[in-house]
Amino acid sequence: MILAGGREQLIQLFSFLTVISAKLKEKNKWFGPSPYVEVSVDGQSKKTEKCNNTNSPKWKQHLTVYVGRFYLQLP
């Protein structure tokens, strides 16, 4: 929507996340856990890689999630 005499600029918003590590409680199992992190925003889902057989996973992985957009009115 352009108002009289003005211009619009489309702005898109993204969230940039860095998943670093976790500390899980140990459970008595034959096989260790294979944890991952899942981030969900407005129906979008992003996952880290799995870290096999560990209770102290380390990812240092970057995830980008689209948040939304809006129009900025310019003079």
N, C-alpha and C. Protein backbone atom coordinates (compact mmCIF):
# COMPACT_ATOMS: atom_id res chain seq x y z
N MET A 1 0.85 -1.17 0.00
CA MET A 1 0.00 0.00 0.00
C MET A 1 0.90 1.24 0.00
N ILE A 2 0.74 2.13 -0.97
CA ILE A 2 1.53 3.35 -1.04
C ILE A 2 0.61 4.52 -0.73
N LEU A 3 1.04 5.34 0.24
CA LEU A 3 0.27 6.53 0.60
C LEU A 3 0.67 7.67 -0.31
N ALA A 4 -0.14 8.72 -0.36
CA ALA A 4 0.08 9.86 -1.26
C ALA A 4 1.50 10.41 -1.14
N GLY A 5 2.20 10.42 -2.26
CA GLY A 5 3.52 11.02 -2.34
C GLY A 5 4.63 10.20 -1.69
N GLY A 6 4.35 9.04 -1.15
CA GLY A 6 5.38 8.26 -0.46
C GLY A 6 5.76 6.99 -1.21
N ARG A 7 6.77 6.34 -0.69
CA ARG A 7 7.23 5.07 -1.25
C ARG A 7 7.25 4.05 -0.11
N GLU A 8 7.28 2.80 -0.48
CA GLU A 8 7.35 1.72 0.49
C GLU A 8 8.62 0.92 0.31
N GLN A 9 9.15 0.43 1.41
CA GLN A 9 10.30 -0.47 1.38
C GLN A 9 9.89 -1.75 2.10
N LEU A 10 10.00 -2.88 1.42
CA LEU A 10 9.69 -4.16 2.04
C LEU A 10 10.84 -4.57 2.96
N ILE A 11 10.52 -4.86 4.20
CA ILE A 11 11.50 -5.31 5.19
C ILE A 11 11.15 -6.75 5.56
N GLN A 12 12.11 -7.65 5.44
CA GLN A 12 11.91 -9.04 5.84
C GLN A 12 12.73 -9.31 7.09
N LEU A 13 12.11 -9.98 8.05
CA LEU A 13 12.78 -10.25 9.32
C LEU A 13 13.17 -11.71 9.43
N PHE A 14 14.40 -11.94 9.86
CA PHE A 14 14.92 -13.28 10.10
C PHE A 14 15.50 -13.32 11.49
N SER A 15 15.44 -14.47 12.11
CA SER A 15 16.09 -14.67 13.40
C SER A 15 17.28 -15.60 13.17
N PHE A 16 18.45 -15.17 13.59
CA PHE A 16 19.66 -15.96 13.43
C PHE A 16 20.04 -16.53 14.79
N LEU A 17 20.03 -17.84 14.91
CA LEU A 17 20.29 -18.52 16.17
C LEU A 17 21.56 -19.35 16.07
N THR A 18 22.29 -19.44 17.16
CA THR A 18 23.43 -20.34 17.24
C THR A 18 23.19 -21.31 18.38
N VAL A 19 23.12 -22.59 18.05
CA VAL A 19 22.95 -23.63 19.06
C VAL A 19 24.35 -24.12 19.41
N ILE A 20 24.70 -24.01 20.70
CA ILE A 20 26.07 -24.30 21.10
C ILE A 20 26.21 -25.68 21.73
N SER A 21 25.52 -25.92 22.84
CA SER A 21 25.69 -27.21 23.52
C SER A 21 24.53 -27.47 24.48
N ALA A 22 24.54 -28.66 25.08
CA ALA A 22 23.52 -29.02 26.07
C ALA A 22 24.13 -29.98 27.08
N LYS A 23 23.48 -30.12 28.19
CA LYS A 23 23.90 -31.08 29.22
C LYS A 23 22.66 -31.89 29.56
N LEU A 24 22.67 -33.17 29.25
CA LEU A 24 21.53 -34.05 29.47
C LEU A 24 21.75 -34.92 30.69
N LYS A 25 20.66 -35.27 31.35
CA LYS A 25 20.75 -36.20 32.47
C LYS A 25 21.01 -37.60 31.93
N GLU A 26 21.88 -38.33 32.60
CA GLU A 26 22.18 -39.69 32.16
C GLU A 26 21.08 -40.64 32.58
N LYS A 27 20.78 -41.59 31.70
CA LYS A 27 19.79 -42.62 31.98
C LYS A 27 20.46 -43.97 31.73
N ASN A 28 20.02 -44.97 32.44
CA ASN A 28 20.57 -46.30 32.25
C ASN A 28 19.95 -46.95 31.02
N LYS A 29 20.69 -46.93 29.92
CA LYS A 29 20.24 -47.53 28.67
C LYS A 29 21.43 -48.24 28.04
N TRP A 30 21.13 -49.17 27.18
CA TRP A 30 22.19 -49.87 26.46
C TRP A 30 22.87 -48.95 25.46
N PHE A 31 22.09 -48.08 24.84
CA PHE A 31 22.64 -47.17 23.84
C PHE A 31 22.47 -45.74 24.34
N GLY A 32 23.45 -44.90 24.07
CA GLY A 32 23.37 -43.51 24.50
C GLY A 32 22.39 -42.72 23.64
N PRO A 33 22.04 -41.53 24.08
CA PRO A 33 21.10 -40.69 23.32
C PRO A 33 21.75 -40.13 22.06
N SER A 34 20.92 -39.72 21.13
CA SER A 34 21.38 -39.03 19.92
C SER A 34 20.59 -37.73 19.81
N PRO A 35 20.93 -36.76 20.68
CA PRO A 35 20.13 -35.54 20.75
C PRO A 35 20.32 -34.60 19.56
N TYR A 36 19.30 -33.79 19.35
CA TYR A 36 19.34 -32.69 18.40
C TYR A 36 18.43 -31.60 18.94
N VAL A 37 18.52 -30.41 18.37
CA VAL A 37 17.66 -29.29 18.77
C VAL A 37 16.76 -28.97 17.59
N GLU A 38 15.48 -28.74 17.88
CA GLU A 38 14.52 -28.33 16.86
C GLU A 38 13.90 -27.00 17.28
N VAL A 39 13.93 -26.03 16.37
CA VAL A 39 13.34 -24.71 16.60
C VAL A 39 12.15 -24.58 15.66
N SER A 40 10.99 -24.22 16.20
CA SER A 40 9.78 -24.03 15.39
C SER A 40 9.24 -22.62 15.57
N VAL A 41 8.97 -21.95 14.44
CA VAL A 41 8.38 -20.62 14.45
C VAL A 41 7.34 -20.56 13.34
N ASP A 42 6.09 -20.29 13.71
CA ASP A 42 5.01 -20.15 12.73
C ASP A 42 4.98 -21.27 11.69
N GLY A 43 5.09 -22.49 12.12
CA GLY A 43 5.01 -23.63 11.21
C GLY A 43 6.31 -24.01 10.54
N GLN A 44 7.34 -23.19 10.68
CA GLN A 44 8.66 -23.53 10.14
C GLN A 44 9.40 -24.35 11.18
N SER A 45 10.22 -25.26 10.74
CA SER A 45 10.98 -26.07 11.66
C SER A 45 12.41 -26.21 11.15
N LYS A 46 13.37 -25.94 12.02
CA LYS A 46 14.79 -26.09 11.69
C LYS A 46 15.42 -26.99 12.75
N LYS A 47 16.29 -27.91 12.32
CA LYS A 47 16.92 -28.85 13.24
C LYS A 47 18.44 -28.80 13.11
N THR A 48 19.09 -29.07 14.22
CA THR A 48 20.54 -29.24 14.19
C THR A 48 20.84 -30.67 13.75
N GLU A 49 22.09 -30.96 13.52
CA GLU A 49 22.54 -32.33 13.27
C GLU A 49 22.41 -33.12 14.56
N LYS A 50 22.29 -34.43 14.46
CA LYS A 50 22.29 -35.29 15.64
C LYS A 50 23.72 -35.46 16.14
N CYS A 51 23.86 -35.54 17.45
CA CYS A 51 25.14 -35.87 18.08
C CYS A 51 24.96 -37.27 18.68
N ASN A 52 25.62 -38.25 18.13
CA ASN A 52 25.40 -39.64 18.51
C ASN A 52 26.06 -40.03 19.83
N ASN A 53 25.32 -40.77 20.64
CA ASN A 53 25.81 -41.41 21.87
C ASN A 53 26.51 -40.46 22.83
N THR A 54 25.86 -39.36 23.16
CA THR A 54 26.46 -38.41 24.11
C THR A 54 25.40 -37.75 24.97
N ASN A 55 25.77 -37.46 26.21
CA ASN A 55 24.92 -36.68 27.11
C ASN A 55 25.38 -35.23 27.18
N SER A 56 26.46 -34.91 26.48
CA SER A 56 26.99 -33.54 26.43
C SER A 56 27.22 -33.12 24.98
N PRO A 57 26.15 -32.99 24.21
CA PRO A 57 26.30 -32.65 22.79
C PRO A 57 26.81 -31.23 22.60
N LYS A 58 27.61 -31.06 21.56
CA LYS A 58 28.14 -29.75 21.17
C LYS A 58 27.88 -29.58 19.67
N TRP A 59 27.18 -28.51 19.32
CA TRP A 59 26.83 -28.30 17.93
C TRP A 59 27.58 -27.13 17.31
N LYS A 60 27.54 -25.97 17.94
CA LYS A 60 28.05 -24.73 17.34
C LYS A 60 27.49 -24.57 15.93
N GLN A 61 26.17 -24.77 15.81
CA GLN A 61 25.50 -24.75 14.52
C GLN A 61 24.57 -23.55 14.43
N HIS A 62 24.57 -22.90 13.27
CA HIS A 62 23.74 -21.71 13.03
C HIS A 62 22.44 -22.12 12.35
N LEU A 63 21.33 -21.57 12.83
CA LEU A 63 20.01 -21.79 12.24
C LEU A 63 19.41 -20.43 11.90
N THR A 64 18.73 -20.35 10.77
CA THR A 64 18.06 -19.12 10.37
C THR A 64 16.58 -19.41 10.20
N VAL A 65 15.74 -18.60 10.85
CA VAL A 65 14.29 -18.78 10.79
C VAL A 65 13.66 -17.48 10.30
N TYR A 66 12.79 -17.59 9.30
CA TYR A 66 12.06 -16.43 8.79
C TYR A 66 10.98 -16.06 9.80
N VAL A 67 10.96 -14.79 10.21
CA VAL A 67 10.01 -14.32 11.23
C VAL A 67 8.82 -13.62 10.61
N GLY A 68 9.04 -12.80 9.61
CA GLY A 68 7.92 -12.08 8.99
C GLY A 68 8.40 -10.93 8.13
N ARG A 69 7.45 -10.14 7.69
CA ARG A 69 7.80 -8.97 6.87
C ARG A 69 6.85 -7.83 7.17
N PHE A 70 7.29 -6.63 6.86
CA PHE A 70 6.43 -5.47 6.98
C PHE A 70 6.91 -4.44 5.95
N TYR A 71 6.07 -3.44 5.72
CA TYR A 71 6.40 -2.40 4.77
C TYR A 71 6.71 -1.13 5.53
N LEU A 72 7.82 -0.51 5.21
CA LEU A 72 8.24 0.74 5.83
C LEU A 72 7.90 1.88 4.88
N GLN A 73 7.17 2.87 5.38
CA GLN A 73 6.82 4.03 4.55
C GLN A 73 8.00 4.99 4.50
N LEU A 74 8.42 5.33 3.29
CA LEU A 74 9.51 6.28 3.08
C LEU A 74 8.94 7.61 2.62
N PRO A 75 9.60 8.69 2.98
CA PRO A 75 9.09 10.02 2.54
C PRO A 75 9.23 10.23 1.05
